[in-house]
Amino acid sequence: MTIRAFRRAFALLASAVVLASTSGCGLFTSTEQASAPKPERGTLRIGVLPSVDVAPLYLARNEKLFADAGLQVELIVVNDDNSAVQQLESQTLDIAFASHVTLLRAVHSGKELQLQGEAYQAARNTMALVTLADSDYDNPGEIQKPKIAVNRKDDLGTLTTESVLQTANVQKSNIKWTPMAFADMTAALSNKSVDAAWMMEPWITKAQRSLGARVLTDTARGYTLDFPMSGYASSKKFADSYPKTLAAFRNVLEKAQELGTNKLAVQEVLTEYAEVDAQTAGLVSVGTYPVSINPVRLQRVADMMETSQLLTSRLDVQQLLPPATVS
């Protein structure tokens, strides 16, 4: 083959590759656009707490993933997750971030909710009992009638703390719960009005840095190892009215949760909304961000709540999931 013939053959091959690549790209984009549900409305108000759990939402907003899906998302910081669930009913929020315990308890009490996604799953020291560095409270079973600060009674904190303390032979009926905001727990430890506080991140790291506090025990251990902590829900009424809007949200959430696998990105975005500096954020423990709803995993929460008598009967989580597809 002559050099000229070789060059001509190479040019033809290159043109074919470019054409095939262009055609393939066009077909993929067309298919992807055809399969993506077009939202019935372009805005979503989501109630969140300034916790590590919701970091992927902020990452997705920064990466314009919501905007690309035709959604304008407003992330509204609420006082507590129970308040967020209440605001679904009053329609001041469209989606609420909350612990799974809060969401399932709300359903059990008669609220009609639809689960839209999982937010967070526990890992080492992502939720823990925290005490003072100089406290005599050195192991979970040392105080038989402990005073424990929690963000709310009958929620994730009490459920997981009871599990750990009962394993340490502390009677459930002997635990004295002191409900308060996470932001107030450091002061409660400092003035010794409680023996320990159940905290999540970033409040654990904040307490360690501001007070020299220490972790008494991880509450994601034993029966609560890798425990599903939190998720997102809408009212059933909203879900029935805007199925494509919520399908679009779930599609973005899946991509957002994948962004959460980058621990450094999660720690960095905390400085935008969680009132932590970069040094504190760099010390925060980060758990797992599930990319899809797993009914088996969530049933574990419901069944543990029934065993602990937070629910008076079995709750079938499968009934709370959105339809598999939205046409």
Protein backbone atom coordinates (compact mmCIF):
# COMPACT_ATOMS: atom_id res chain seq x y z
CA MET A 1 0.00 0.00 0.00
CA THR A 2 1.32 3.43 -0.94
CA ILE A 3 1.63 6.20 1.64
CA ARG A 4 -1.13 8.15 -0.17
CA ALA A 5 -3.45 5.11 -0.10
CA PHE A 6 -2.67 4.52 3.57
CA ARG A 7 -3.49 8.15 4.43
CA ARG A 8 -6.77 7.95 2.50
CA ALA A 9 -7.81 4.73 4.25
CA PHE A 10 -6.92 6.21 7.66
CA ALA A 11 -8.97 9.36 6.91
CA LEU A 12 -11.99 7.27 5.94
CA LEU A 13 -11.67 5.20 9.13
CA ALA A 14 -11.38 8.33 11.27
CA SER A 15 -14.48 9.83 9.62
CA ALA A 16 -16.41 6.66 10.30
CA VAL A 17 -15.39 6.68 13.97
CA VAL A 18 -16.42 10.32 14.37
CA LEU A 19 -19.75 9.68 12.64
CA ALA A 20 -20.46 6.66 14.80
CA SER A 21 -19.54 8.55 17.96
CA THR A 22 -21.72 11.50 17.01
CA SER A 23 -24.66 9.28 16.13
CA GLY A 24 -24.29 7.29 19.31
CA CYS A 25 -24.14 10.42 21.43
CA GLY A 26 -27.23 11.82 19.75
CA LEU A 27 -29.18 8.62 20.26
CA PHE A 28 -28.18 8.39 23.92
CA THR A 29 -29.19 11.98 24.64
CA SER A 30 -32.50 11.55 22.84
CA THR A 31 -33.29 8.37 24.75
CA GLU A 32 -32.29 9.90 28.06
CA GLN A 33 -34.46 12.97 27.43
CA ALA A 34 -37.39 10.82 26.34
CA SER A 35 -37.20 8.69 29.48
CA ALA A 36 -36.87 11.61 31.92
CA PRO A 37 -40.27 12.67 33.29
CA LYS A 38 -41.11 16.32 32.73
CA PRO A 39 -42.11 17.91 36.07
CA GLU A 40 -45.69 19.20 36.41
CA ARG A 41 -44.26 22.08 38.47
CA GLY A 42 -40.80 23.62 38.53
CA THR A 43 -40.31 24.39 42.23
CA LEU A 44 -39.79 22.20 45.28
CA ARG A 45 -39.51 23.36 48.90
CA ILE A 46 -37.49 20.87 50.93
CA GLY A 47 -37.20 21.09 54.72
CA VAL A 48 -33.74 20.09 55.97
CA LEU A 49 -31.61 20.05 59.11
CA PRO A 50 -28.00 21.33 59.03
CA SER A 51 -26.69 17.76 59.35
CA VAL A 52 -24.28 15.66 57.31
CA ASP A 53 -27.23 13.62 56.02
CA VAL A 54 -28.35 16.28 53.55
CA ALA A 55 -24.94 17.20 52.08
CA PRO A 56 -25.75 15.55 48.70
CA LEU A 57 -28.67 17.95 48.19
CA TYR A 58 -26.32 20.90 48.47
CA LEU A 59 -23.78 19.24 46.21
CA ALA A 60 -26.48 18.57 43.62
CA ARG A 61 -27.70 22.15 43.80
CA ASN A 62 -24.16 23.45 43.36
CA GLU A 63 -23.66 21.14 40.38
CA LYS A 64 -26.98 22.41 38.92
CA LEU A 65 -28.38 18.88 38.75
CA PHE A 66 -31.81 20.08 39.88
CA ALA A 67 -31.81 22.90 37.36
CA ASP A 68 -30.89 20.45 34.59
CA ALA A 69 -33.97 18.41 35.55
CA GLY A 70 -36.23 21.46 35.34
CA LEU A 71 -36.48 21.92 39.10
CA GLN A 72 -35.84 24.98 41.21
CA VAL A 73 -35.16 23.67 44.71
CA GLU A 74 -35.35 25.72 47.89
CA LEU A 75 -33.59 24.08 50.84
CA ILE A 76 -35.29 25.40 53.97
CA VAL A 77 -33.61 24.80 57.33
CA VAL A 78 -36.18 23.75 59.96
CA ASN A 79 -35.93 23.52 63.75
CA ASP A 80 -36.42 19.76 63.84
CA ASP A 81 -37.54 16.98 61.55
CA ASN A 82 -40.90 16.58 63.26
CA SER A 83 -41.64 20.20 62.37
CA ALA A 84 -40.73 19.42 58.75
CA VAL A 85 -43.23 16.54 58.64
CA GLN A 86 -45.93 18.77 60.13
CA GLN A 87 -45.27 21.32 57.39
CA LEU A 88 -46.05 18.74 54.73
CA GLU A 89 -49.59 18.72 56.06
CA SER A 90 -49.84 22.52 56.07
CA GLN A 91 -48.31 22.54 52.56
CA THR A 92 -45.55 24.98 53.51
CA LEU A 93 -43.07 22.25 52.51
CA ASP A 94 -43.27 19.82 49.60
CA ILE A 95 -40.64 17.35 50.82
CA ALA A 96 -39.35 16.78 54.35
CA PHE A 97 -36.02 15.40 55.43
CA ALA A 98 -36.44 13.44 58.67
CA SER A 99 -35.21 10.40 60.53
CA HIS A 100 -36.88 7.20 59.40
CA VAL A 101 -38.17 6.84 62.95
CA THR A 102 -39.96 10.20 62.71
CA LEU A 103 -41.43 9.36 59.30
CA LEU A 104 -42.64 5.89 60.25
CA ARG A 105 -44.07 7.09 63.54
CA ALA A 106 -45.97 9.81 61.67
CA VAL A 107 -47.46 7.23 59.30
CA HIS A 108 -48.39 5.00 62.23
CA SER A 109 -50.23 7.92 63.83
CA GLY A 110 -52.34 8.44 60.72
CA LYS A 111 -50.40 10.78 58.43
CA GLU A 112 -50.46 9.80 54.77
CA LEU A 113 -46.88 10.02 53.50
CA GLN A 114 -44.96 8.65 50.55
CA LEU A 115 -41.25 7.93 50.95
CA GLN A 116 -39.18 9.59 48.21
CA GLY A 117 -35.70 8.36 49.04
CA GLU A 118 -33.19 7.37 51.67
CA ALA A 119 -30.82 10.06 52.87
CA TYR A 120 -28.24 8.49 55.14
CA GLN A 121 -26.99 5.28 56.69
CA ALA A 122 -24.88 5.17 59.85
CA ALA A 123 -21.16 4.43 59.93
CA ARG A 124 -18.62 4.64 62.73
CA ASN A 125 -19.30 7.59 65.07
CA THR A 126 -21.89 9.22 62.82
CA MET A 127 -24.25 9.04 65.79
CA ALA A 128 -22.98 8.59 69.33
CA LEU A 129 -23.36 9.24 73.03
CA VAL A 130 -21.04 12.11 73.90
CA THR A 131 -19.83 13.14 77.36
CA LEU A 132 -17.26 15.42 78.96
CA ALA A 133 -13.60 14.54 78.73
CA ASP A 134 -13.24 14.53 82.53
CA SER A 135 -16.52 12.68 83.16
CA ASP A 136 -16.52 9.52 85.26
CA TYR A 137 -18.95 8.05 82.73
CA ASP A 138 -16.41 5.74 81.08
CA ASN A 139 -18.57 2.95 79.69
CA PRO A 140 -22.28 2.63 78.78
CA GLY A 141 -23.15 0.42 81.76
CA GLU A 142 -21.38 2.47 84.42
CA ILE A 143 -24.37 4.68 85.33
CA GLN A 144 -27.54 2.68 85.93
CA LYS A 145 -29.88 5.72 85.84
CA PRO A 146 -28.27 7.99 83.26
CA LYS A 147 -29.59 11.40 82.21
CA ILE A 148 -29.36 11.54 78.44
CA ALA A 149 -29.96 14.55 76.19
CA VAL A 150 -31.78 13.74 72.94
CA ASN A 151 -33.18 15.96 70.22
CA ARG A 152 -36.61 14.39 70.74
CA LYS A 153 -38.12 11.56 72.76
CA ASP A 154 -39.24 8.44 70.92
CA ASP A 155 -37.01 9.17 67.93
CA LEU A 156 -33.80 7.83 66.41
CA GLY A 157 -31.73 8.93 69.42
CA THR A 158 -33.82 7.11 72.00
CA LEU A 159 -34.21 4.01 69.80
CA THR A 160 -30.47 3.55 69.20
CA THR A 161 -29.39 4.65 72.69
CA GLU A 162 -31.79 2.20 74.32
CA SER A 163 -30.33 -0.58 72.19
CA VAL A 164 -26.75 0.19 73.25
CA LEU A 165 -27.56 0.77 76.93
CA GLN A 166 -29.71 -2.35 77.22
CA THR A 167 -26.81 -4.36 75.80
CA ALA A 168 -24.78 -2.84 78.67
CA ASN A 169 -27.46 -4.06 81.16
CA VAL A 170 -29.05 -0.63 81.76
CA GLN A 171 -32.82 -0.91 82.19
CA LYS A 172 -34.82 1.03 79.62
CA SER A 173 -37.14 2.36 82.35
CA ASN A 174 -34.16 3.81 84.26
CA ILE A 175 -33.04 6.13 81.46
CA LYS A 176 -34.03 9.77 82.00
CA TRP A 177 -34.46 11.55 78.70
CA THR A 178 -33.91 15.31 78.40
CA PRO A 179 -35.17 16.60 75.03
CA MET A 180 -33.38 19.65 73.59
CA ALA A 181 -32.00 21.02 70.34
CA PHE A 182 -28.65 19.68 69.20
CA ALA A 183 -27.25 23.20 69.47
CA ASP A 184 -28.06 23.26 73.21
CA MET A 185 -26.44 19.95 74.10
CA THR A 186 -22.91 21.28 74.52
CA ALA A 187 -24.11 23.69 77.21
CA ALA A 188 -26.07 20.89 78.92
CA LEU A 189 -22.92 18.77 79.06
CA SER A 190 -20.86 21.72 80.27
CA ASN A 191 -23.20 22.54 83.17
CA LYS A 192 -23.59 18.81 83.91
CA SER A 193 -27.38 18.82 83.71
CA VAL A 194 -27.03 15.60 81.69
CA ASP A 195 -24.57 12.73 81.91
CA ALA A 196 -24.31 12.31 78.14
CA ALA A 197 -25.88 13.60 74.94
CA TRP A 198 -26.95 11.66 71.87
CA MET A 199 -25.57 13.56 68.89
CA MET A 200 -25.15 13.24 65.15
CA GLU A 201 -22.54 14.85 62.98
CA PRO A 202 -21.49 17.62 62.72
CA TRP A 203 -22.57 18.26 66.34
CA ILE A 204 -20.30 15.46 67.62
CA THR A 205 -17.20 17.06 66.13
CA LYS A 206 -18.34 20.54 67.20
CA ALA A 207 -18.62 19.35 70.81
CA GLN A 208 -15.21 17.70 70.64
CA ARG A 209 -13.55 20.85 69.34
CA SER A 210 -15.39 23.41 71.48
CA LEU A 211 -15.64 21.46 74.72
CA GLY A 212 -13.04 18.73 74.45
CA ALA A 213 -15.91 16.26 74.64
CA ARG A 214 -15.38 12.56 73.93
CA VAL A 215 -17.46 9.74 72.52
CA LEU A 216 -18.75 7.51 75.32
CA THR A 217 -20.04 4.96 72.84
CA ASP A 218 -20.93 4.74 69.18
CA THR A 219 -24.68 4.10 68.87
CA ALA A 220 -24.28 2.44 65.48
CA ARG A 221 -23.13 -0.89 66.85
CA GLY A 222 -24.63 -4.29 67.59
CA TYR A 223 -28.29 -4.26 66.54
CA THR A 224 -27.88 -0.76 65.10
CA LEU A 225 -24.73 -1.38 63.03
CA ASP A 226 -25.05 0.33 59.62
CA PHE A 227 -28.47 1.55 60.75
CA PRO A 228 -30.67 3.44 58.24
CA MET A 229 -30.87 6.92 59.78
CA SER A 230 -32.89 9.28 57.62
CA GLY A 231 -34.81 9.88 54.43
CA TYR A 232 -37.11 12.13 52.42
CA ALA A 233 -40.90 12.04 52.21
CA SER A 234 -43.79 13.98 50.76
CA SER A 235 -47.44 13.90 51.64
CA LYS A 236 -49.44 11.30 49.72
CA LYS A 237 -51.65 14.11 48.45
CA PHE A 238 -48.67 15.94 46.95
CA ALA A 239 -47.33 12.70 45.48
CA ASP A 240 -50.67 11.96 43.79
CA SER A 241 -50.87 15.51 42.40
CA TYR A 242 -47.27 15.77 41.14
CA PRO A 243 -45.96 12.26 40.36
CA LYS A 244 -43.61 13.40 37.57
CA THR A 245 -42.18 16.19 39.68
CA LEU A 246 -41.30 13.72 42.40
CA ALA A 247 -39.97 11.23 39.85
CA ALA A 248 -37.64 13.97 38.63
CA PHE A 249 -36.59 14.65 42.23
CA ARG A 250 -35.80 10.98 42.79
CA ASN A 251 -33.74 10.86 39.59
CA VAL A 252 -31.66 13.81 40.77
CA LEU A 253 -31.41 12.41 44.29
CA GLU A 254 -29.85 9.22 42.94
CA LYS A 255 -27.13 11.26 41.22
CA ALA A 256 -26.75 13.45 44.30
CA GLN A 257 -26.23 10.46 46.57
CA GLU A 258 -23.48 9.25 44.24
CA LEU A 259 -21.75 12.61 44.76
CA GLY A 260 -21.81 11.76 48.48
CA THR A 261 -19.24 9.02 47.90
CA ASN A 262 -16.66 11.81 47.71
CA LYS A 263 -15.96 12.36 51.40
CA LEU A 264 -13.86 15.46 50.80
CA ALA A 265 -16.68 17.06 48.77
CA VAL A 266 -19.13 16.31 51.59
CA GLN A 267 -16.85 17.81 54.23
CA GLU A 268 -16.22 20.87 52.08
CA VAL A 269 -19.91 21.59 51.43
CA LEU A 270 -20.64 21.42 55.18
CA THR A 271 -19.00 24.82 55.54
CA GLU A 272 -21.79 26.29 53.39
CA TYR A 273 -24.72 25.33 55.61
CA ALA A 274 -23.73 23.57 58.84
CA GLU A 275 -21.98 26.43 60.64
CA VAL A 276 -18.60 24.72 60.76
CA ASP A 277 -15.20 25.95 59.67
CA ALA A 278 -13.04 24.02 57.23
CA GLN A 279 -10.88 22.49 59.98
CA THR A 280 -13.91 21.18 61.87
CA ALA A 281 -15.54 19.93 58.68
CA GLY A 282 -12.39 17.98 57.85
CA LEU A 283 -12.75 15.98 61.08
CA VAL A 284 -16.42 15.08 60.66
CA SER A 285 -17.27 11.38 60.33
CA VAL A 286 -19.22 10.57 57.18
CA GLY A 287 -21.56 7.63 56.68
CA THR A 288 -23.19 6.11 53.61
CA TYR A 289 -25.61 7.75 51.15
CA PRO A 290 -27.90 5.05 49.67
CA VAL A 291 -28.71 5.67 46.01
CA SER A 292 -32.10 3.95 46.08
CA ILE A 293 -34.89 3.03 48.46
CA ASN A 294 -34.42 -0.43 49.92
CA PRO A 295 -37.67 -1.69 51.53
CA VAL A 296 -35.84 -4.52 53.32
CA ARG A 297 -33.46 -2.03 54.90
CA LEU A 298 -36.29 0.28 55.95
CA GLN A 299 -38.39 -2.59 57.26
CA ARG A 300 -35.55 -3.18 59.69
CA VAL A 301 -36.28 0.23 61.22
CA ALA A 302 -40.03 -0.38 61.42
CA ASP A 303 -39.58 -3.81 63.01
CA MET A 304 -37.14 -2.46 65.59
CA MET A 305 -39.60 0.31 66.41
CA GLU A 306 -42.31 -2.28 66.98
CA THR A 307 -40.03 -4.34 69.22
CA SER A 308 -39.19 -1.20 71.21
CA GLN A 309 -42.90 -0.31 71.42
CA LEU A 310 -42.53 2.92 69.46
CA LEU A 311 -45.11 1.30 67.16
CA THR A 312 -48.00 -0.71 68.52
CA SER A 313 -48.28 -2.92 65.42
CA ARG A 314 -46.23 -3.93 62.41
CA LEU A 315 -45.89 -1.32 59.69
CA ASP A 316 -45.39 -2.55 56.11
CA VAL A 317 -42.86 -0.14 54.61
CA GLN A 318 -43.44 -1.47 51.08
CA GLN A 319 -46.82 0.28 51.07
CA LEU A 320 -45.13 3.67 51.52
CA LEU A 321 -42.94 3.52 48.43
CA PRO A 322 -43.67 5.44 45.21
CA PRO A 323 -44.79 3.63 42.04
CA ALA A 324 -41.97 1.90 40.20
CA THR A 325 -42.52 3.99 37.08
CA VAL A 326 -44.25 7.22 36.14
CA SER A 327 -45.51 7.48 32.57
